[in-house]
């Protein structure tokens, strides 16, 4: 049986052709938190706006399992709205964010990675090339660099993700790496191992 993460990585270069192979984000409100699972796409922002309109007291997004996105433009727009609305983001100890899910996590006002959380990064690919192959001044980088600047993340993190793993693979970050890039409001104590995260 194919691992869901593997299916998503295969889909990334193909996008529309893999539309049936992913589950769009779902939002479930619990008290002052919203539990989020699935894959980010063009429907994510409207679904988010609907759930926060119905739950105006909610101020924390619990990212339970966000394997990535199939629409990078939609992802950065969604992340900017999360930041503008003042939401905090949390990845629970049994949770996972990867690729575009990691970018979404970073949009949080206050950000928490609970011990054992899985955080995956890799290079993106599209149009017959991978990001790591492009010169640093190539305009294809701009949408991501602009996004990270807008949410207050050092652009060094972006370059790190491109070198960490190819588009077909995933690098599971260590606590030391997360702390190096100030990914969280308080220092990270421990993240999930590669074996655990691959199985999750």
Protein backbone atom coordinates (compact mmCIF):
# COMPACT_ATOMS: atom_id res chain seq x y z
CA UNK A 1 0.00 0.00 0.00
CA UNK A 2 1.40 3.41 -0.93
CA UNK A 3 2.22 5.75 1.94
CA UNK A 4 -0.03 8.89 1.76
CA UNK A 5 3.06 11.11 1.86
CA UNK A 6 4.52 9.26 -1.11
CA UNK A 7 1.28 9.74 -3.06
CA UNK A 8 1.36 13.46 -2.37
CA UNK A 9 5.00 13.80 -3.41
CA UNK A 10 4.21 12.04 -6.68
CA UNK A 11 1.28 14.38 -7.23
CA UNK A 12 3.12 17.64 -6.65
CA UNK A 13 4.53 18.00 -10.18
CA UNK A 14 1.26 16.91 -11.74
CA UNK A 15 -1.23 18.89 -9.63
CA UNK A 16 -4.50 18.71 -11.56
CA UNK A 17 -3.91 15.16 -12.72
CA UNK A 18 -3.79 13.97 -9.13
CA UNK A 19 -6.83 15.86 -7.93
CA UNK A 20 -8.59 12.68 -6.81
CA UNK A 21 -5.59 11.48 -4.78
CA UNK A 22 -5.73 13.95 -1.91
CA UNK A 23 -8.19 15.07 0.74
CA UNK A 24 -8.78 18.85 0.97
CA UNK A 25 -8.36 20.52 4.34
CA UNK A 26 -11.07 19.92 6.90
CA UNK A 27 -11.65 22.18 9.91
CA UNK A 28 -13.27 20.97 13.13
CA UNK A 29 -13.91 23.51 15.90
CA UNK A 30 -13.40 22.42 19.50
CA UNK A 31 -13.85 25.16 22.10
CA UNK A 32 -11.33 27.87 21.19
CA UNK A 33 -9.33 25.68 18.82
CA UNK A 34 -9.75 24.51 15.24
CA UNK A 35 -8.36 21.09 14.32
CA UNK A 36 -7.02 20.97 10.76
CA UNK A 37 -6.24 17.93 8.62
CA UNK A 38 -5.77 17.30 4.91
CA UNK A 39 -4.04 18.95 1.97
CA UNK A 40 -4.07 22.67 1.16
CA UNK A 41 -5.75 23.61 -2.11
CA UNK A 42 -7.84 26.39 -3.67
CA UNK A 43 -10.79 25.61 -1.37
CA UNK A 44 -8.85 25.95 1.90
CA UNK A 45 -9.26 29.68 2.44
CA UNK A 46 -13.03 29.73 1.94
CA UNK A 47 -13.45 26.71 4.23
CA UNK A 48 -11.31 28.44 6.86
CA UNK A 49 -13.27 31.69 6.61
CA UNK A 50 -16.52 29.77 7.03
CA UNK A 51 -15.39 27.97 10.18
CA UNK A 52 -14.00 31.10 11.85
CA UNK A 53 -17.20 33.00 11.07
CA UNK A 54 -19.09 30.27 12.92
CA UNK A 55 -16.54 30.14 15.77
CA UNK A 56 -15.36 33.71 16.40
CA UNK A 57 -13.75 32.77 19.71
CA UNK A 58 -11.34 30.30 18.12
CA UNK A 59 -7.80 31.59 18.04
CA UNK A 60 -5.61 28.49 17.64
CA UNK A 61 -5.12 26.20 14.66
CA UNK A 62 -4.11 22.69 15.68
CA UNK A 63 -2.40 21.26 12.61
CA UNK A 64 -3.02 17.57 13.11
CA UNK A 65 -1.87 16.25 9.74
CA UNK A 66 -1.08 18.61 6.87
CA UNK A 67 0.94 16.72 4.26
CA UNK A 68 1.37 19.69 1.94
CA UNK A 69 -0.39 21.64 -0.76
CA UNK A 70 -1.37 21.14 -4.38
CA UNK A 71 -1.64 24.89 -5.02
CA UNK A 72 1.31 27.00 -3.86
CA UNK A 73 -0.40 30.29 -4.67
CA UNK A 74 -3.43 29.32 -2.59
CA UNK A 75 -1.12 28.22 0.20
CA UNK A 76 0.70 31.54 0.58
CA UNK A 77 -2.57 33.48 0.38
CA UNK A 78 -4.09 31.25 3.07
CA UNK A 79 -1.01 31.62 5.27
CA UNK A 80 -1.11 35.40 5.04
CA UNK A 81 -4.75 35.39 6.16
CA UNK A 82 -3.93 33.13 9.12
CA UNK A 83 -1.24 35.62 10.16
CA UNK A 84 -3.47 38.66 9.60
CA UNK A 85 -6.27 37.10 11.68
CA UNK A 86 -3.84 36.61 14.58
CA UNK A 87 -4.12 32.84 14.86
CA UNK A 88 -1.64 30.75 16.83
CA UNK A 89 -0.50 27.45 15.34
CA UNK A 90 0.26 24.18 17.12
CA UNK A 91 1.47 20.82 15.85
CA UNK A 92 0.56 18.26 18.54
CA UNK A 93 2.89 15.50 19.67
CA UNK A 94 1.16 13.02 17.33
CA UNK A 95 0.81 15.56 14.52
CA UNK A 96 2.58 16.19 11.23
CA UNK A 97 3.18 19.11 8.91
CA UNK A 98 5.20 18.84 5.72
CA UNK A 99 6.02 20.97 2.69
CA UNK A 100 3.22 23.55 2.37
CA UNK A 101 1.91 22.42 5.76
CA UNK A 102 5.16 23.60 7.33
CA UNK A 103 4.76 26.95 5.56
CA UNK A 104 1.26 27.21 7.03
CA UNK A 105 2.52 26.43 10.53
CA UNK A 106 5.00 29.31 10.25
CA UNK A 107 2.13 31.75 9.63
CA UNK A 108 1.05 31.44 13.26
CA UNK A 109 1.34 34.41 15.58
CA UNK A 110 2.57 32.13 18.37
CA UNK A 111 3.90 28.79 17.17
CA UNK A 112 4.27 25.57 19.14
CA UNK A 113 5.76 22.21 18.15
CA UNK A 114 4.89 19.75 20.88
CA UNK A 115 7.45 17.02 21.72
CA UNK A 116 7.33 14.33 19.04
CA UNK A 117 5.72 16.48 16.33
CA UNK A 118 6.85 15.83 12.75
CA UNK A 119 8.00 18.74 10.56
CA UNK A 120 8.95 17.98 6.96
CA UNK A 121 10.63 20.15 4.32
CA UNK A 122 11.89 19.66 0.80
CA UNK A 123 12.54 21.44 -2.48
CA UNK A 124 9.61 22.25 -4.72
CA UNK A 125 9.42 21.29 -8.37
CA UNK A 126 7.38 22.35 -11.37
CA UNK A 127 7.61 23.38 -14.97
CA UNK A 128 10.29 20.83 -15.70
CA UNK A 129 12.76 22.05 -13.06
CA UNK A 130 13.36 21.91 -9.33
CA UNK A 131 13.84 24.98 -7.18
CA UNK A 132 17.31 23.95 -6.03
CA UNK A 133 18.50 24.07 -9.66
CA UNK A 134 17.49 27.71 -10.14
CA UNK A 135 19.85 30.62 -9.41
CA UNK A 136 18.98 32.50 -6.24
CA UNK A 137 17.90 35.58 -8.19
CA UNK A 138 15.42 33.63 -10.34
CA UNK A 139 11.90 35.16 -10.13
CA UNK A 140 10.33 31.75 -9.43
CA UNK A 141 11.67 32.06 -5.88
CA UNK A 142 9.89 35.36 -5.26
CA UNK A 143 6.46 34.07 -4.22
CA UNK A 144 8.05 32.04 -1.42
CA UNK A 145 10.60 34.66 -0.36
CA UNK A 146 7.91 37.34 -0.29
CA UNK A 147 5.67 35.07 1.79
CA UNK A 148 8.36 34.35 4.37
CA UNK A 149 9.21 38.04 4.63
CA UNK A 150 5.53 38.88 5.12
CA UNK A 151 5.16 36.43 8.01
CA UNK A 152 8.50 37.34 9.60
CA UNK A 153 10.52 34.22 8.74
CA UNK A 154 14.19 34.57 7.80
CA UNK A 155 14.71 33.78 4.12
CA UNK A 156 17.59 31.49 5.12
CA UNK A 157 14.90 28.98 6.07
CA UNK A 158 13.67 28.92 2.47
CA UNK A 159 17.14 28.16 1.10
CA UNK A 160 17.55 25.48 3.77
CA UNK A 161 14.40 23.70 2.61
CA UNK A 162 15.63 23.58 -0.99
CA UNK A 163 18.86 21.86 0.02
CA UNK A 164 17.37 19.62 2.71
CA UNK A 165 15.70 17.13 0.34
CA UNK A 166 14.70 16.74 -3.27
CA UNK A 167 11.11 17.29 -4.37
CA UNK A 168 10.61 13.51 -4.40
CA UNK A 169 11.86 13.08 -0.84
CA UNK A 170 11.23 14.63 2.59
CA UNK A 171 13.61 15.82 5.28
CA UNK A 172 12.21 15.52 8.79
CA UNK A 173 13.60 18.38 10.82
CA UNK A 174 15.38 18.02 14.13
CA UNK A 175 14.75 20.18 17.17
CA UNK A 176 18.14 21.80 16.60
CA UNK A 177 17.17 22.79 13.07
CA UNK A 178 13.81 24.16 14.19
CA UNK A 179 15.51 26.24 16.88
CA UNK A 180 18.14 27.44 14.42
CA UNK A 181 15.42 29.08 12.34
CA UNK A 182 13.30 30.27 15.29
CA UNK A 183 10.33 28.30 14.03
CA UNK A 184 8.59 28.41 17.40
CA UNK A 185 7.83 30.98 20.06
CA UNK A 186 9.57 28.85 22.71
CA UNK A 187 12.52 26.53 21.99
CA UNK A 188 11.67 23.07 20.68
CA UNK A 189 12.66 20.21 22.98
CA UNK A 190 12.20 17.20 20.71
CA UNK A 191 10.73 16.36 17.30
CA UNK A 192 9.70 13.04 15.83
CA UNK A 193 12.41 10.85 14.32
CA UNK A 194 12.54 10.18 10.59
CA UNK A 195 11.30 6.61 11.09
CA UNK A 196 8.32 7.74 13.14
CA UNK A 197 7.46 10.55 10.75
CA UNK A 198 7.72 8.34 7.66
CA UNK A 199 5.25 5.93 9.27
CA UNK A 200 2.89 8.65 10.48
